[in-house]
Amino acid sequence: KHYSENNPNLMYIDAFDEFLNTEGGPRPELFVDDRLHMNPKGYE
């Protein structure tokens, strides 16, 4: 993120918090059964 902020041709797309619940924990409902790859809700 910091590296990208200092270069006009770079961007950092911050989606991190979108994958956390209100307590700061994981959101398994956004992933398929392997809990690693996203399901359609994650891609939304």
ModelCIF file with pLDDT and N, C-alpha, C, O atoms, coordinates in Angstrom:
data_MODEL
#
_entry.id   MODEL 
#
_entity.id                         1 
_entity.type                       polymer 
_entity.pdbx_number_of_molecules   1 
#
_entity_poly.entity_id                      1 
_entity_poly.type                           'polypeptide(L)' 
_entity_poly.nstd_linkage                   no 
_entity_poly.nstd_monomer                   no 
_entity_poly.pdbx_seq_one_letter_code       KHYSENNPNLMYIDAFDEFLNTEGGPRPELFVDDRLHMNPKGYE 
_entity_poly.pdbx_seq_one_letter_code_can   KHYSENNPNLMYIDAFDEFLNTEGGPRPELFVDDRLHMNPKGYE 
_entity_poly.pdbx_strand_id                 A 
#
loop_
_entity_poly_seq.entity_id 
_entity_poly_seq.num 
_entity_poly_seq.mon_id 
_entity_poly_seq.hetero 
1 1  LYS n 
1 2  HIS n 
1 3  TYR n 
1 4  SER n 
1 5  GLU n 
1 6  ASN n 
1 7  ASN n 
1 8  PRO n 
1 9  ASN n 
1 10 LEU n 
1 11 MET n 
1 12 TYR n 
1 13 ILE n 
1 14 ASP n 
1 15 ALA n 
1 16 PHE n 
1 17 ASP n 
1 18 GLU n 
1 19 PHE n 
1 20 LEU n 
1 21 ASN n 
1 22 THR n 
1 23 GLU n 
1 24 GLY n 
1 25 GLY n 
1 26 PRO n 
1 27 ARG n 
1 28 PRO n 
1 29 GLU n 
1 30 LEU n 
1 31 PHE n 
1 32 VAL n 
1 33 ASP n 
1 34 ASP n 
1 35 ARG n 
1 36 LEU n 
1 37 HIS n 
1 38 MET n 
1 39 ASN n 
1 40 PRO n 
1 41 LYS n 
1 42 GLY n 
1 43 TYR n 
1 44 GLU n 
#
_struct_asym.id          A 
_struct_asym.entity_id   1 
#
loop_
_ma_qa_metric.id 
_ma_qa_metric.mode 
_ma_qa_metric.name 
_ma_qa_metric.software_group_id 
_ma_qa_metric.type 
1 global pLDDT . pLDDT 
2 local  pLDDT . pLDDT 
#
_ma_qa_metric_global.metric_id      1 
_ma_qa_metric_global.metric_value   97.36 
_ma_qa_metric_global.model_id       1 
_ma_qa_metric_global.ordinal_id     1 
#
loop_
_ma_qa_metric_local.label_asym_id 
_ma_qa_metric_local.label_comp_id 
_ma_qa_metric_local.label_seq_id 
_ma_qa_metric_local.metric_id 
_ma_qa_metric_local.metric_value 
_ma_qa_metric_local.model_id 
_ma_qa_metric_local.ordinal_id 
A LYS 1  2 98.00 1 1  
A HIS 2  2 98.00 1 2  
A TYR 3  2 98.00 1 3  
A SER 4  2 98.00 1 4  
A GLU 5  2 96.00 1 5  
A ASN 6  2 89.00 1 6  
A ASN 7  2 95.00 1 7  
A PRO 8  2 95.00 1 8  
A ASN 9  2 98.00 1 9  
A LEU 10 2 98.00 1 10 
A MET 11 2 98.00 1 11 
A TYR 12 2 98.00 1 12 
A ILE 13 2 98.00 1 13 
A ASP 14 2 98.00 1 14 
A ALA 15 2 98.00 1 15 
A PHE 16 2 98.00 1 16 
A ASP 17 2 97.00 1 17 
A GLU 18 2 98.00 1 18 
A PHE 19 2 98.00 1 19 
A LEU 20 2 98.00 1 20 
A ASN 21 2 97.00 1 21 
A THR 22 2 97.00 1 22 
A GLU 23 2 97.00 1 23 
A GLY 24 2 96.00 1 24 
A GLY 25 2 97.00 1 25 
A PRO 26 2 97.00 1 26 
A ARG 27 2 98.00 1 27 
A PRO 28 2 98.00 1 28 
A GLU 29 2 98.00 1 29 
A LEU 30 2 98.00 1 30 
A PHE 31 2 98.00 1 31 
A VAL 32 2 98.00 1 32 
A ASP 33 2 98.00 1 33 
A ASP 34 2 97.00 1 34 
A ARG 35 2 97.00 1 35 
A LEU 36 2 97.00 1 36 
A HIS 37 2 98.00 1 37 
A MET 38 2 98.00 1 38 
A ASN 39 2 98.00 1 39 
A PRO 40 2 98.00 1 40 
A LYS 41 2 98.00 1 41 
A GLY 42 2 98.00 1 42 
A TYR 43 2 98.00 1 43 
A GLU 44 2 98.00 1 44 
#
loop_
_atom_site.group_PDB 
_atom_site.id 
_atom_site.type_symbol 
_atom_site.label_atom_id 
_atom_site.label_alt_id 
_atom_site.label_comp_id 
_atom_site.label_asym_id 
_atom_site.label_entity_id 
_atom_site.label_seq_id 
_atom_site.pdbx_PDB_ins_code 
_atom_site.Cartn_x 
_atom_site.Cartn_y 
_atom_site.Cartn_z 
_atom_site.occupancy 
_atom_site.B_iso_or_equiv 
_atom_site.pdbx_formal_charge 
_atom_site.auth_seq_id 
_atom_site.auth_comp_id 
_atom_site.auth_asym_id 
_atom_site.auth_atom_id 
_atom_site.pdbx_PDB_model_num 
ATOM 1   N N  . LYS A 1 1  ? 0.830   -1.205  0.000   1.00 98.00 ? 1  LYS A N  1 
ATOM 2   C CA . LYS A 1 1  ? 0.000   0.000   0.000   1.00 98.00 ? 1  LYS A CA 1 
ATOM 3   C C  . LYS A 1 1  ? 0.864   1.255   0.000   1.00 98.00 ? 1  LYS A C  1 
ATOM 4   O O  . LYS A 1 1  ? 0.652   2.152   -0.815  1.00 98.00 ? 1  LYS A O  1 
ATOM 5   N N  . HIS A 1 2  ? 1.838   1.327   0.907   1.00 98.00 ? 2  HIS A N  1 
ATOM 6   C CA . HIS A 1 2  ? 2.694   2.515   0.990   1.00 98.00 ? 2  HIS A CA 1 
ATOM 7   C C  . HIS A 1 2  ? 3.529   2.683   -0.272  1.00 98.00 ? 2  HIS A C  1 
ATOM 8   O O  . HIS A 1 2  ? 3.723   3.801   -0.749  1.00 98.00 ? 2  HIS A O  1 
ATOM 9   N N  . TYR A 1 3  ? 4.017   1.585   -0.807  1.00 98.00 ? 3  TYR A N  1 
ATOM 10  C CA . TYR A 1 3  ? 4.793   1.616   -2.050  1.00 98.00 ? 3  TYR A CA 1 
ATOM 11  C C  . TYR A 1 3  ? 3.946   2.174   -3.188  1.00 98.00 ? 3  TYR A C  1 
ATOM 12  O O  . TYR A 1 3  ? 4.427   2.977   -3.988  1.00 98.00 ? 3  TYR A O  1 
ATOM 13  N N  . SER A 1 4  ? 2.696   1.753   -3.258  1.00 98.00 ? 4  SER A N  1 
ATOM 14  C CA . SER A 1 4  ? 1.810   2.191   -4.337  1.00 98.00 ? 4  SER A CA 1 
ATOM 15  C C  . SER A 1 4  ? 1.451   3.668   -4.209  1.00 98.00 ? 4  SER A C  1 
ATOM 16  O O  . SER A 1 4  ? 1.259   4.353   -5.213  1.00 98.00 ? 4  SER A O  1 
ATOM 17  N N  . GLU A 1 5  ? 1.362   4.152   -2.986  1.00 96.00 ? 5  GLU A N  1 
ATOM 18  C CA . GLU A 1 5  ? 0.999   5.553   -2.780  1.00 96.00 ? 5  GLU A CA 1 
ATOM 19  C C  . GLU A 1 5  ? 2.050   6.515   -3.326  1.00 96.00 ? 5  GLU A C  1 
ATOM 20  O O  . GLU A 1 5  ? 1.743   7.678   -3.591  1.00 96.00 ? 5  GLU A O  1 
ATOM 21  N N  . ASN A 1 6  ? 3.267   6.051   -3.495  1.00 89.00 ? 6  ASN A N  1 
ATOM 22  C CA . ASN A 1 6  ? 4.364   6.908   -3.932  1.00 89.00 ? 6  ASN A CA 1 
ATOM 23  C C  . ASN A 1 6  ? 4.670   6.775   -5.422  1.00 89.00 ? 6  ASN A C  1 
ATOM 24  O O  . ASN A 1 6  ? 5.696   7.270   -5.890  1.00 89.00 ? 6  ASN A O  1 
ATOM 25  N N  . ASN A 1 7  ? 3.788   6.112   -6.172  1.00 95.00 ? 7  ASN A N  1 
ATOM 26  C CA . ASN A 1 7  ? 4.001   5.930   -7.604  1.00 95.00 ? 7  ASN A CA 1 
ATOM 27  C C  . ASN A 1 7  ? 2.692   6.181   -8.331  1.00 95.00 ? 7  ASN A C  1 
ATOM 28  O O  . ASN A 1 7  ? 1.711   5.484   -8.073  1.00 95.00 ? 7  ASN A O  1 
ATOM 29  N N  . PRO A 1 8  ? 2.646   7.149   -9.225  1.00 95.00 ? 8  PRO A N  1 
ATOM 30  C CA . PRO A 1 8  ? 1.377   7.489   -9.889  1.00 95.00 ? 8  PRO A CA 1 
ATOM 31  C C  . PRO A 1 8  ? 0.825   6.388   -10.782 1.00 95.00 ? 8  PRO A C  1 
ATOM 32  O O  . PRO A 1 8  ? -0.352  6.423   -11.143 1.00 95.00 ? 8  PRO A O  1 
ATOM 33  N N  . ASN A 1 9  ? 1.653   5.408   -11.146 1.00 98.00 ? 9  ASN A N  1 
ATOM 34  C CA . ASN A 1 9  ? 1.180   4.313   -11.992 1.00 98.00 ? 9  ASN A CA 1 
ATOM 35  C C  . ASN A 1 9  ? 0.800   3.069   -11.202 1.00 98.00 ? 9  ASN A C  1 
ATOM 36  O O  . ASN A 1 9  ? 0.501   2.029   -11.788 1.00 98.00 ? 9  ASN A O  1 
ATOM 37  N N  . LEU A 1 10 ? 0.809   3.171   -9.875  1.00 98.00 ? 10 LEU A N  1 
ATOM 38  C CA . LEU A 1 10 ? 0.457   2.036   -9.028  1.00 98.00 ? 10 LEU A CA 1 
ATOM 39  C C  . LEU A 1 10 ? -0.755  2.369   -8.175  1.00 98.00 ? 10 LEU A C  1 
ATOM 40  O O  . LEU A 1 10 ? -0.964  3.515   -7.776  1.00 98.00 ? 10 LEU A O  1 
ATOM 41  N N  . MET A 1 11 ? -1.550  1.339   -7.906  1.00 98.00 ? 11 MET A N  1 
ATOM 42  C CA . MET A 1 11 ? -2.713  1.486   -7.045  1.00 98.00 ? 11 MET A CA 1 
ATOM 43  C C  . MET A 1 11 ? -2.799  0.296   -6.099  1.00 98.00 ? 11 MET A C  1 
ATOM 44  O O  . MET A 1 11 ? -2.379  -0.813  -6.428  1.00 98.00 ? 11 MET A O  1 
ATOM 45  N N  . TYR A 1 12 ? -3.342  0.546   -4.940  1.00 98.00 ? 12 TYR A N  1 
ATOM 46  C CA . TYR A 1 12 ? -3.603  -0.523  -3.973  1.00 98.00 ? 12 TYR A CA 1 
ATOM 47  C C  . TYR A 1 12 ? -5.105  -0.571  -3.738  1.00 98.00 ? 12 TYR A C  1 
ATOM 48  O O  . TYR A 1 12 ? -5.694  0.407   -3.277  1.00 98.00 ? 12 TYR A O  1 
ATOM 49  N N  . ILE A 1 13 ? -5.720  -1.690  -4.048  1.00 98.00 ? 13 ILE A N  1 
ATOM 50  C CA . ILE A 1 13 ? -7.166  -1.848  -3.889  1.00 98.00 ? 13 ILE A CA 1 
ATOM 51  C C  . ILE A 1 13 ? -7.422  -2.578  -2.575  1.00 98.00 ? 13 ILE A C  1 
ATOM 52  O O  . ILE A 1 13 ? -7.160  -3.775  -2.457  1.00 98.00 ? 13 ILE A O  1 
ATOM 53  N N  . ASP A 1 14 ? -7.924  -1.863  -1.614  1.00 98.00 ? 14 ASP A N  1 
ATOM 54  C CA . ASP A 1 14 ? -8.071  -2.397  -0.261  1.00 98.00 ? 14 ASP A CA 1 
ATOM 55  C C  . ASP A 1 14 ? -9.448  -3.035  -0.074  1.00 98.00 ? 14 ASP A C  1 
ATOM 56  O O  . ASP A 1 14 ? -10.452 -2.346  0.111   1.00 98.00 ? 14 ASP A O  1 
ATOM 57  N N  . ALA A 1 15 ? -9.469  -4.376  -0.127  1.00 98.00 ? 15 ALA A N  1 
ATOM 58  C CA . ALA A 1 15 ? -10.709 -5.114  0.122   1.00 98.00 ? 15 ALA A CA 1 
ATOM 59  C C  . ALA A 1 15 ? -10.626 -5.900  1.425   1.00 98.00 ? 15 ALA A C  1 
ATOM 60  O O  . ALA A 1 15 ? -11.539 -6.659  1.751   1.00 98.00 ? 15 ALA A O  1 
ATOM 61  N N  . PHE A 1 16 ? -9.547  -5.726  2.167   1.00 98.00 ? 16 PHE A N  1 
ATOM 62  C CA . PHE A 1 16 ? -9.251  -6.562  3.334   1.00 98.00 ? 16 PHE A CA 1 
ATOM 63  C C  . PHE A 1 16 ? -10.390 -6.564  4.357   1.00 98.00 ? 16 PHE A C  1 
ATOM 64  O O  . PHE A 1 16 ? -10.869 -7.624  4.760   1.00 98.00 ? 16 PHE A O  1 
ATOM 65  N N  . ASP A 1 17 ? -10.818 -5.370  4.773   1.00 97.00 ? 17 ASP A N  1 
ATOM 66  C CA . ASP A 1 17 ? -11.827 -5.296  5.830   1.00 97.00 ? 17 ASP A CA 1 
ATOM 67  C C  . ASP A 1 17 ? -13.176 -5.861  5.404   1.00 97.00 ? 17 ASP A C  1 
ATOM 68  O O  . ASP A 1 17 ? -13.988 -6.241  6.247   1.00 97.00 ? 17 ASP A O  1 
ATOM 69  N N  . GLU A 1 18 ? -13.413 -5.916  4.106   1.00 98.00 ? 18 GLU A N  1 
ATOM 70  C CA . GLU A 1 18 ? -14.672 -6.470  3.613   1.00 98.00 ? 18 GLU A CA 1 
ATOM 71  C C  . GLU A 1 18 ? -14.798 -7.960  3.941   1.00 98.00 ? 18 GLU A C  1 
ATOM 72  O O  . GLU A 1 18 ? -15.900 -8.509  3.966   1.00 98.00 ? 18 GLU A O  1 
ATOM 73  N N  . PHE A 1 19 ? -13.661 -8.602  4.191   1.00 98.00 ? 19 PHE A N  1 
ATOM 74  C CA . PHE A 1 19 ? -13.661 -10.033 4.479   1.00 98.00 ? 19 PHE A CA 1 
ATOM 75  C C  . PHE A 1 19 ? -13.561 -10.326 5.977   1.00 98.00 ? 19 PHE A C  1 
ATOM 76  O O  . PHE A 1 19 ? -13.283 -11.456 6.379   1.00 98.00 ? 19 PHE A O  1 
ATOM 77  N N  . LEU A 1 20 ? -13.790 -9.300  6.794   1.00 98.00 ? 20 LEU A N  1 
ATOM 78  C CA . LEU A 1 20 ? -13.807 -9.455  8.241   1.00 98.00 ? 20 LEU A CA 1 
ATOM 79  C C  . LEU A 1 20 ? -15.210 -9.178  8.767   1.00 98.00 ? 20 LEU A C  1 
ATOM 80  O O  . LEU A 1 20 ? -15.930 -8.335  8.231   1.00 98.00 ? 20 LEU A O  1 
ATOM 81  N N  . ASN A 1 21 ? -15.587 -9.892  9.815   1.00 97.00 ? 21 ASN A N  1 
ATOM 82  C CA . ASN A 1 21 ? -16.877 -9.612  10.445  1.00 97.00 ? 21 ASN A CA 1 
ATOM 83  C C  . ASN A 1 21 ? -16.751 -8.449  11.426  1.00 97.00 ? 21 ASN A C  1 
ATOM 84  O O  . ASN A 1 21 ? -15.670 -7.879  11.571  1.00 97.00 ? 21 ASN A O  1 
ATOM 85  N N  . THR A 1 22 ? -17.826 -8.100  12.088  1.00 97.00 ? 22 THR A N  1 
ATOM 86  C CA . THR A 1 22 ? -17.827 -6.932  12.966  1.00 97.00 ? 22 THR A CA 1 
ATOM 87  C C  . THR A 1 22 ? -16.899 -7.091  14.164  1.00 97.00 ? 22 THR A C  1 
ATOM 88  O O  . THR A 1 22 ? -16.517 -6.101  14.788  1.00 97.00 ? 22 THR A O  1 
ATOM 89  N N  . GLU A 1 23 ? -16.534 -8.333  14.490  1.00 97.00 ? 23 GLU A N  1 
ATOM 90  C CA . GLU A 1 23 ? -15.604 -8.574  15.593  1.00 97.00 ? 23 GLU A CA 1 
ATOM 91  C C  . GLU A 1 23 ? -14.158 -8.683  15.112  1.00 97.00 ? 23 GLU A C  1 
ATOM 92  O O  . GLU A 1 23 ? -13.251 -8.934  15.905  1.00 97.00 ? 23 GLU A O  1 
ATOM 93  N N  . GLY A 1 24 ? -13.951 -8.494  13.814  1.00 96.00 ? 24 GLY A N  1 
ATOM 94  C CA . GLY A 1 24 ? -12.608 -8.598  13.258  1.00 96.00 ? 24 GLY A CA 1 
ATOM 95  C C  . GLY A 1 24 ? -12.192 -10.012 12.933  1.00 96.00 ? 24 GLY A C  1 
ATOM 96  O O  . GLY A 1 24 ? -11.013 -10.267 12.687  1.00 96.00 ? 24 GLY A O  1 
ATOM 97  N N  . GLY A 1 25 ? -13.136 -10.943 12.927  1.00 97.00 ? 25 GLY A N  1 
ATOM 98  C CA . GLY A 1 25 ? -12.847 -12.333 12.600  1.00 97.00 ? 25 GLY A CA 1 
ATOM 99  C C  . GLY A 1 25 ? -13.136 -12.638 11.143  1.00 97.00 ? 25 GLY A C  1 
ATOM 100 O O  . GLY A 1 25 ? -13.564 -11.753 10.403  1.00 97.00 ? 25 GLY A O  1 
ATOM 101 N N  . PRO A 1 26 ? -12.911 -13.872 10.715  1.00 97.00 ? 26 PRO A N  1 
ATOM 102 C CA . PRO A 1 26 ? -13.120 -14.258 9.312   1.00 97.00 ? 26 PRO A CA 1 
ATOM 103 C C  . PRO A 1 26 ? -14.602 -14.358 8.966   1.00 97.00 ? 26 PRO A C  1 
ATOM 104 O O  . PRO A 1 26 ? -15.459 -14.424 9.847   1.00 97.00 ? 26 PRO A O  1 
ATOM 105 N N  . ARG A 1 27 ? -14.879 -14.368 7.680   1.00 98.00 ? 27 ARG A N  1 
ATOM 106 C CA . ARG A 1 27 ? -16.247 -14.522 7.181   1.00 98.00 ? 27 ARG A CA 1 
ATOM 107 C C  . ARG A 1 27 ? -16.321 -15.759 6.283   1.00 98.00 ? 27 ARG A C  1 
ATOM 108 O O  . ARG A 1 27 ? -16.230 -15.639 5.062   1.00 98.00 ? 27 ARG A O  1 
ATOM 109 N N  . PRO A 1 28 ? -16.485 -16.938 6.874   1.00 98.00 ? 28 PRO A N  1 
ATOM 110 C CA . PRO A 1 28 ? -16.495 -18.167 6.074   1.00 98.00 ? 28 PRO A CA 1 
ATOM 111 C C  . PRO A 1 28 ? -17.618 -18.229 5.061   1.00 98.00 ? 28 PRO A C  1 
ATOM 112 O O  . PRO A 1 28 ? -17.541 -19.004 4.108   1.00 98.00 ? 28 PRO A O  1 
ATOM 113 N N  . GLU A 1 29 ? -18.670 -17.425 5.241   1.00 98.00 ? 29 GLU A N  1 
ATOM 114 C CA . GLU A 1 29 ? -19.791 -17.451 4.298   1.00 98.00 ? 29 GLU A CA 1 
ATOM 115 C C  . GLU A 1 29 ? -19.403 -16.894 2.930   1.00 98.00 ? 29 GLU A C  1 
ATOM 116 O O  . GLU A 1 29 ? -20.175 -17.009 1.978   1.00 98.00 ? 29 GLU A O  1 
ATOM 117 N N  . LEU A 1 30 ? -18.215 -16.291 2.819   1.00 98.00 ? 30 LEU A N  1 
ATOM 118 C CA . LEU A 1 30 ? -17.749 -15.740 1.550   1.00 98.00 ? 30 LEU A CA 1 
ATOM 119 C C  . LEU A 1 30 ? -16.870 -16.713 0.779   1.00 98.00 ? 30 LEU A C  1 
ATOM 120 O O  . LEU A 1 30 ? -16.359 -16.379 -0.290  1.00 98.00 ? 30 LEU A O  1 
ATOM 121 N N  . PHE A 1 31 ? -16.692 -17.923 1.320   1.00 98.00 ? 31 PHE A N  1 
ATOM 122 C CA . PHE A 1 31 ? -15.756 -18.878 0.734   1.00 98.00 ? 31 PHE A CA 1 
ATOM 123 C C  . PHE A 1 31 ? -16.437 -20.224 0.481   1.00 98.00 ? 31 PHE A C  1 
ATOM 124 O O  . PHE A 1 31 ? -17.449 -20.550 1.102   1.00 98.00 ? 31 PHE A O  1 
ATOM 125 N N  . VAL A 1 32 ? -15.867 -20.990 -0.435  1.00 98.00 ? 32 VAL A N  1 
ATOM 126 C CA . VAL A 1 32 ? -16.352 -22.346 -0.689  1.00 98.00 ? 32 VAL A CA 1 
ATOM 127 C C  . VAL A 1 32 ? -15.869 -23.250 0.440   1.00 98.00 ? 32 VAL A C  1 
ATOM 128 O O  . VAL A 1 32 ? -15.267 -22.783 1.407   1.00 98.00 ? 32 VAL A O  1 
ATOM 129 N N  . ASP A 1 33 ? -16.136 -24.532 0.310   1.00 98.00 ? 33 ASP A N  1 
ATOM 130 C CA . ASP A 1 33 ? -15.886 -25.459 1.410   1.00 98.00 ? 33 ASP A CA 1 
ATOM 131 C C  . ASP A 1 33 ? -14.422 -25.556 1.838   1.00 98.00 ? 33 ASP A C  1 
ATOM 132 O O  . ASP A 1 33 ? -14.140 -25.911 2.983   1.00 98.00 ? 33 ASP A O  1 
ATOM 133 N N  . ASP A 1 34 ? -13.494 -25.249 0.944   1.00 97.00 ? 34 ASP A N  1 
ATOM 134 C CA . ASP A 1 34 ? -12.079 -25.330 1.340   1.00 97.00 ? 34 ASP A CA 1 
ATOM 135 C C  . ASP A 1 34 ? -11.654 -24.146 2.204   1.00 97.00 ? 34 ASP A C  1 
ATOM 136 O O  . ASP A 1 34 ? -10.537 -24.116 2.720   1.00 97.00 ? 34 ASP A O  1 
ATOM 137 N N  . ARG A 1 35 ? -12.557 -23.166 2.360   1.00 97.00 ? 35 ARG A N  1 
ATOM 138 C CA . ARG A 1 35 ? -12.312 -21.988 3.204   1.00 97.00 ? 35 ARG A CA 1 
ATOM 139 C C  . ARG A 1 35 ? -11.109 -21.166 2.725   1.00 97.00 ? 35 ARG A C  1 
ATOM 140 O O  . ARG A 1 35 ? -10.528 -20.401 3.495   1.00 97.00 ? 35 ARG A O  1 
ATOM 141 N N  . LEU A 1 36 ? -10.747 -21.327 1.466   1.00 97.00 ? 36 LEU A N  1 
ATOM 142 C CA . LEU A 1 36 ? -9.632  -20.602 0.872   1.00 97.00 ? 36 LEU A CA 1 
ATOM 143 C C  . LEU A 1 36 ? -10.075 -19.807 -0.355  1.00 97.00 ? 36 LEU A C  1 
ATOM 144 O O  . LEU A 1 36 ? -9.705  -18.645 -0.524  1.00 97.00 ? 36 LEU A O  1 
ATOM 145 N N  . HIS A 1 37 ? -10.865 -20.445 -1.200  1.00 98.00 ? 37 HIS A N  1 
ATOM 146 C CA . HIS A 1 37 ? -11.294 -19.808 -2.438  1.00 98.00 ? 37 HIS A CA 1 
ATOM 147 C C  . HIS A 1 37 ? -12.685 -19.201 -2.277  1.00 98.00 ? 37 HIS A C  1 
ATOM 148 O O  . HIS A 1 37 ? -13.545 -19.761 -1.597  1.00 98.00 ? 37 HIS A O  1 
ATOM 149 N N  . MET A 1 38 ? -12.887 -18.061 -2.906  1.00 98.00 ? 38 MET A N  1 
ATOM 150 C CA . MET A 1 38 ? -14.129 -17.331 -2.717  1.00 98.00 ? 38 MET A CA 1 
ATOM 151 C C  . MET A 1 38 ? -15.299 -17.951 -3.475  1.00 98.00 ? 38 MET A C  1 
ATOM 152 O O  . MET A 1 38 ? -15.120 -18.563 -4.527  1.00 98.00 ? 38 MET A O  1 
ATOM 153 N N  . ASN A 1 39 ? -16.483 -17.783 -2.930  1.00 98.00 ? 39 ASN A N  1 
ATOM 154 C CA . ASN A 1 39 ? -17.715 -18.146 -3.619  1.00 98.00 ? 39 ASN A CA 1 
ATOM 155 C C  . ASN A 1 39 ? -18.270 -16.883 -4.294  1.00 98.00 ? 39 ASN A C  1 
ATOM 156 O O  . ASN A 1 39 ? -17.649 -15.826 -4.187  1.00 98.00 ? 39 ASN A O  1 
ATOM 157 N N  . PRO A 1 40 ? -19.405 -16.955 -4.978  1.00 98.00 ? 40 PRO A N  1 
ATOM 158 C CA . PRO A 1 40 ? -19.932 -15.761 -5.661  1.00 98.00 ? 40 PRO A CA 1 
ATOM 159 C C  . PRO A 1 40 ? -20.120 -14.544 -4.756  1.00 98.00 ? 40 PRO A C  1 
ATOM 160 O O  . PRO A 1 40 ? -20.000 -13.410 -5.220  1.00 98.00 ? 40 PRO A O  1 
ATOM 161 N N  . LYS A 1 41 ? -20.412 -14.762 -3.472  1.00 98.00 ? 41 LYS A N  1 
ATOM 162 C CA . LYS A 1 41 ? -20.559 -13.621 -2.562  1.00 98.00 ? 41 LYS A CA 1 
ATOM 163 C C  . LYS A 1 41 ? -19.227 -12.885 -2.383  1.00 98.00 ? 41 LYS A C  1 
ATOM 164 O O  . LYS A 1 41 ? -19.188 -11.658 -2.291  1.00 98.00 ? 41 LYS A O  1 
ATOM 165 N N  . GLY A 1 42 ? -18.151 -13.651 -2.337  1.00 98.00 ? 42 GLY A N  1 
ATOM 166 C CA . GLY A 1 42 ? -16.831 -13.033 -2.248  1.00 98.00 ? 42 GLY A CA 1 
ATOM 167 C C  . GLY A 1 42 ? -16.488 -12.246 -3.496  1.00 98.00 ? 42 GLY A C  1 
ATOM 168 O O  . GLY A 1 42 ? -15.935 -11.149 -3.421  1.00 98.00 ? 42 GLY A O  1 
ATOM 169 N N  . TYR A 1 43 ? -16.823 -12.818 -4.653  1.00 98.00 ? 43 TYR A N  1 
ATOM 170 C CA . TYR A 1 43 ? -16.536 -12.115 -5.900  1.00 98.00 ? 43 TYR A CA 1 
ATOM 171 C C  . TYR A 1 43 ? -17.414 -10.884 -6.086  1.00 98.00 ? 43 TYR A C  1 
ATOM 172 O O  . TYR A 1 43 ? -17.022 -9.946  -6.781  1.00 98.00 ? 43 TYR A O  1 
ATOM 173 N N  . GLU A 1 44 ? -18.575 -10.874 -5.487  1.00 98.00 ? 44 GLU A N  1 
ATOM 174 C CA . GLU A 1 44 ? -19.401 -9.673  -5.521  1.00 98.00 ? 44 GLU A CA 1 
ATOM 175 C C  . GLU A 1 44 ? -18.697 -8.522  -4.818  1.00 98.00 ? 44 GLU A C  1 
ATOM 176 O O  . GLU A 1 44 ? -19.240 -7.420  -4.744  1.00 98.00 ? 44 GLU A O  1 
#
